[in-house]
């Protein structure tokens, strides 16, 4: 089970940190990702991190503003979001990809999904 939290309403230029706590799985065996879905749009990749946390990947739209990290001792993955823009408004989902040593940006590669947390950025 993945439980995402930390969403909310923030003004443009502000920051939020999302958390995703995993339970019932061996967290260190999963690559983790964050995706988002804005109203009327398809779900899209935001960021991913490998099992060890050594490698990360970002969508071009968030590169330099968002940082993904993980704490395997706490079974938690984070998404630090800075310099938020109105176009970042979306429901953010965390996801777990079993077994791969790398990371993936493909939605279909992920085995488990959290329930989503809403981020609203006002202009």
C-alpha atoms as a PDB file:
ATOM      1  CA  UNK A   1       0.000   0.000   0.000  1.00  0.00           C
ATOM      2  CA  UNK A   2       1.195   3.502  -0.853  1.00  0.00           C
ATOM      3  CA  UNK A   3      -0.113   6.523   1.019  1.00  0.00           C
ATOM      4  CA  UNK A   4       0.624   9.936  -0.472  1.00  0.00           C
ATOM      5  CA  UNK A   5       0.335  13.128   1.535  1.00  0.00           C
ATOM      6  CA  UNK A   6       1.490  16.731   1.602  1.00  0.00           C
ATOM      7  CA  UNK A   7      -0.636  18.291  -1.084  1.00  0.00           C
ATOM      8  CA  UNK A   8      -2.454  21.569  -0.626  1.00  0.00           C
ATOM      9  CA  UNK A   9      -2.995  25.079  -1.885  1.00  0.00           C
ATOM     10  CA  UNK A  10       0.058  27.247  -2.470  1.00  0.00           C
ATOM     11  CA  UNK A  11       0.760  30.494  -4.281  1.00  0.00           C
ATOM     12  CA  UNK A  12       2.902  30.562  -7.397  1.00  0.00           C
ATOM     13  CA  UNK A  13       6.560  30.611  -6.442  1.00  0.00           C
ATOM     14  CA  UNK A  14       5.942  28.660  -3.279  1.00  0.00           C
ATOM     15  CA  UNK A  15       7.033  25.196  -2.208  1.00  0.00           C
ATOM     16  CA  UNK A  16       5.498  21.934  -1.069  1.00  0.00           C
ATOM     17  CA  UNK A  17       6.931  18.585  -0.088  1.00  0.00           C
ATOM     18  CA  UNK A  18       4.981  15.472  -0.911  1.00  0.00           C
ATOM     19  CA  UNK A  19       5.531  12.226   0.943  1.00  0.00           C
ATOM     20  CA  UNK A  20       4.581   8.692   0.030  1.00  0.00           C
ATOM     21  CA  UNK A  21       4.729   6.055   2.747  1.00  0.00           C
ATOM     22  CA  UNK A  22       4.851   2.416   1.740  1.00  0.00           C
ATOM     23  CA  UNK A  23       3.571  -0.502   3.760  1.00  0.00           C
ATOM     24  CA  UNK A  24       3.211  -4.199   3.118  1.00  0.00           C
ATOM     25  CA  UNK A  25       6.091  -4.360   0.680  1.00  0.00           C
ATOM     26  CA  UNK A  26       9.873  -4.529   0.821  1.00  0.00           C
ATOM     27  CA  UNK A  27      10.425  -0.907  -0.059  1.00  0.00           C
ATOM     28  CA  UNK A  28      14.095  -1.222  -0.967  1.00  0.00           C
ATOM     29  CA  UNK A  29      13.202  -3.623  -3.799  1.00  0.00           C
ATOM     30  CA  UNK A  30      11.108  -1.023  -5.596  1.00  0.00           C
ATOM     31  CA  UNK A  31      12.010   1.814  -7.879  1.00  0.00           C
ATOM     32  CA  UNK A  32       9.684   4.699  -7.111  1.00  0.00           C
ATOM     33  CA  UNK A  33       8.058   7.343  -9.232  1.00  0.00           C
ATOM     34  CA  UNK A  34       5.839  10.375  -9.037  1.00  0.00           C
ATOM     35  CA  UNK A  35       3.229  11.121 -11.681  1.00  0.00           C
ATOM     36  CA  UNK A  36       0.567  13.782 -11.967  1.00  0.00           C
ATOM     37  CA  UNK A  37      -2.752  14.261 -13.654  1.00  0.00           C
ATOM     38  CA  UNK A  38      -4.255  17.656 -14.310  1.00  0.00           C
ATOM     39  CA  UNK A  39      -7.994  18.084 -14.978  1.00  0.00           C
ATOM     40  CA  UNK A  40      -8.849  16.946 -18.474  1.00  0.00           C
ATOM     41  CA  UNK A  41      -5.343  15.683 -19.164  1.00  0.00           C
ATOM     42  CA  UNK A  42      -3.612  12.329 -19.165  1.00  0.00           C
ATOM     43  CA  UNK A  43      -1.428  11.181 -16.321  1.00  0.00           C
ATOM     44  CA  UNK A  44       2.177  12.159 -16.904  1.00  0.00           C
ATOM     45  CA  UNK A  45       5.579  11.307 -15.534  1.00  0.00           C
ATOM     46  CA  UNK A  46       7.147  13.740 -13.063  1.00  0.00           C
ATOM     47  CA  UNK A  47      10.138  12.047 -11.424  1.00  0.00           C
ATOM     48  CA  UNK A  48      11.632   8.648 -10.655  1.00  0.00           C
ATOM     49  CA  UNK A  49      14.298   7.244  -8.370  1.00  0.00           C
ATOM     50  CA  UNK A  50      16.122   3.933  -8.304  1.00  0.00           C
ATOM     51  CA  UNK A  51      15.972   1.397  -5.483  1.00  0.00           C
ATOM     52  CA  UNK A  52      19.126   2.686  -3.881  1.00  0.00           C
ATOM     53  CA  UNK A  53      18.360   6.337  -4.511  1.00  0.00           C
ATOM     54  CA  UNK A  54      21.568   6.764  -6.465  1.00  0.00           C
ATOM     55  CA  UNK A  55      19.905   7.734  -9.744  1.00  0.00           C
ATOM     56  CA  UNK A  56      16.978  10.000 -10.520  1.00  0.00           C
ATOM     57  CA  UNK A  57      15.085  11.225 -13.548  1.00  0.00           C
ATOM     58  CA  UNK A  58      12.801  14.196 -14.122  1.00  0.00           C
ATOM     59  CA  UNK A  59      10.359  15.465 -16.674  1.00  0.00           C
ATOM     60  CA  UNK A  60      11.708  18.493 -18.496  1.00  0.00           C
ATOM     61  CA  UNK A  61       8.862  20.593 -17.139  1.00  0.00           C
ATOM     62  CA  UNK A  62      10.015  20.138 -13.525  1.00  0.00           C
ATOM     63  CA  UNK A  63      13.775  19.743 -13.914  1.00  0.00           C
ATOM     64  CA  UNK A  64      15.629  22.141 -11.662  1.00  0.00           C
ATOM     65  CA  UNK A  65      12.536  22.832  -9.534  1.00  0.00           C
ATOM     66  CA  UNK A  66      11.544  19.413  -8.173  1.00  0.00           C
ATOM     67  CA  UNK A  67      13.680  16.904  -6.295  1.00  0.00           C
ATOM     68  CA  UNK A  68      12.816  13.285  -5.655  1.00  0.00           C
ATOM     69  CA  UNK A  69      14.427  11.448  -2.760  1.00  0.00           C
ATOM     70  CA  UNK A  70      13.820   8.398  -0.637  1.00  0.00           C
ATOM     71  CA  UNK A  71      14.519   7.083   2.845  1.00  0.00           C
ATOM     72  CA  UNK A  72      14.553   3.298   2.746  1.00  0.00           C
ATOM     73  CA  UNK A  73      14.732   3.107   6.528  1.00  0.00           C
ATOM     74  CA  UNK A  74      11.407   4.965   6.702  1.00  0.00           C
ATOM     75  CA  UNK A  75       9.855   3.287   3.633  1.00  0.00           C
ATOM     76  CA  UNK A  76       9.121   6.728   2.251  1.00  0.00           C
ATOM     77  CA  UNK A  77       9.711   8.596  -0.981  1.00  0.00           C
ATOM     78  CA  UNK A  78       9.539  12.382  -1.194  1.00  0.00           C
ATOM     79  CA  UNK A  79       8.977  15.003  -3.842  1.00  0.00           C
ATOM     80  CA  UNK A  80      10.249  18.450  -2.959  1.00  0.00           C
ATOM     81  CA  UNK A  81       8.578  20.989  -5.207  1.00  0.00           C
ATOM     82  CA  UNK A  82       9.977  24.511  -5.393  1.00  0.00           C
ATOM     83  CA  UNK A  83       9.122  27.534  -7.506  1.00  0.00           C
ATOM     84  CA  UNK A  84       5.688  26.126  -8.153  1.00  0.00           C
ATOM     85  CA  UNK A  85       3.714  27.337 -11.142  1.00  0.00           C
ATOM     86  CA  UNK A  86      -0.041  27.287 -11.821  1.00  0.00           C
ATOM     87  CA  UNK A  87       0.595  24.638 -14.475  1.00  0.00           C
ATOM     88  CA  UNK A  88       1.854  22.315 -11.733  1.00  0.00           C
ATOM     89  CA  UNK A  89      -1.716  22.073 -10.445  1.00  0.00           C
ATOM     90  CA  UNK A  90      -2.689  18.394 -10.522  1.00  0.00           C
ATOM     91  CA  UNK A  91      -3.329  15.307  -8.492  1.00  0.00           C
ATOM     92  CA  UNK A  92       0.057  13.786  -7.731  1.00  0.00           C
ATOM     93  CA  UNK A  93       0.466  10.025  -7.489  1.00  0.00           C
ATOM     94  CA  UNK A  94       3.323   7.938  -6.198  1.00  0.00           C
ATOM     95  CA  UNK A  95       4.015   4.535  -7.717  1.00  0.00           C
ATOM     96  CA  UNK A  96       6.234   1.524  -7.091  1.00  0.00           C
ATOM     97  CA  UNK A  97       8.061  -0.550  -9.708  1.00  0.00           C
ATOM     98  CA  UNK A  98       9.152  -3.954  -8.445  1.00  0.00           C
ATOM     99  CA  UNK A  99      12.526  -5.465  -9.106  1.00  0.00           C
ATOM    100  CA  UNK A 100      14.193  -3.092 -11.527  1.00  0.00           C
ATOM    101  CA  UNK A 101      17.605  -1.740 -10.635  1.00  0.00           C
ATOM    102  CA  UNK A 102      17.018   1.265 -12.824  1.00  0.00           C
ATOM    103  CA  UNK A 103      14.150   3.712 -13.090  1.00  0.00           C
ATOM    104  CA  UNK A 104      11.305   3.945 -15.536  1.00  0.00           C
ATOM    105  CA  UNK A 105       9.119   6.755 -16.821  1.00  0.00           C
ATOM    106  CA  UNK A 106       6.475   4.398 -18.208  1.00  0.00           C
ATOM    107  CA  UNK A 107       3.171   4.269 -16.350  1.00  0.00           C
ATOM    108  CA  UNK A 108       2.649   0.659 -17.385  1.00  0.00           C
ATOM    109  CA  UNK A 109       5.852  -0.458 -15.659  1.00  0.00           C
ATOM    110  CA  UNK A 110       4.608   0.441 -12.201  1.00  0.00           C
ATOM    111  CA  UNK A 111       2.989  -2.238 -10.064  1.00  0.00           C
ATOM    112  CA  UNK A 112       1.426  -0.256  -7.228  1.00  0.00           C
ATOM    113  CA  UNK A 113      -0.102   3.194  -7.019  1.00  0.00           C
ATOM    114  CA  UNK A 114      -1.001   5.533  -4.202  1.00  0.00           C
ATOM    115  CA  UNK A 115      -4.345   7.273  -3.955  1.00  0.00           C
ATOM    116  CA  UNK A 116      -3.124  10.693  -5.046  1.00  0.00           C
ATOM    117  CA  UNK A 117      -2.772  14.030  -3.326  1.00  0.00           C
ATOM    118  CA  UNK A 118      -4.047  17.295  -4.804  1.00  0.00           C
ATOM    119  CA  UNK A 119      -1.670  20.185  -5.409  1.00  0.00           C
ATOM    120  CA  UNK A 120      -3.233  23.506  -6.347  1.00  0.00           C
ATOM    121  CA  UNK A 121      -1.024  26.436  -7.318  1.00  0.00           C
ATOM    122  CA  UNK A 122      -2.726  29.810  -7.470  1.00  0.00           C
ATOM    123  CA  UNK A 123      -1.450  32.649  -9.636  1.00  0.00           C
END
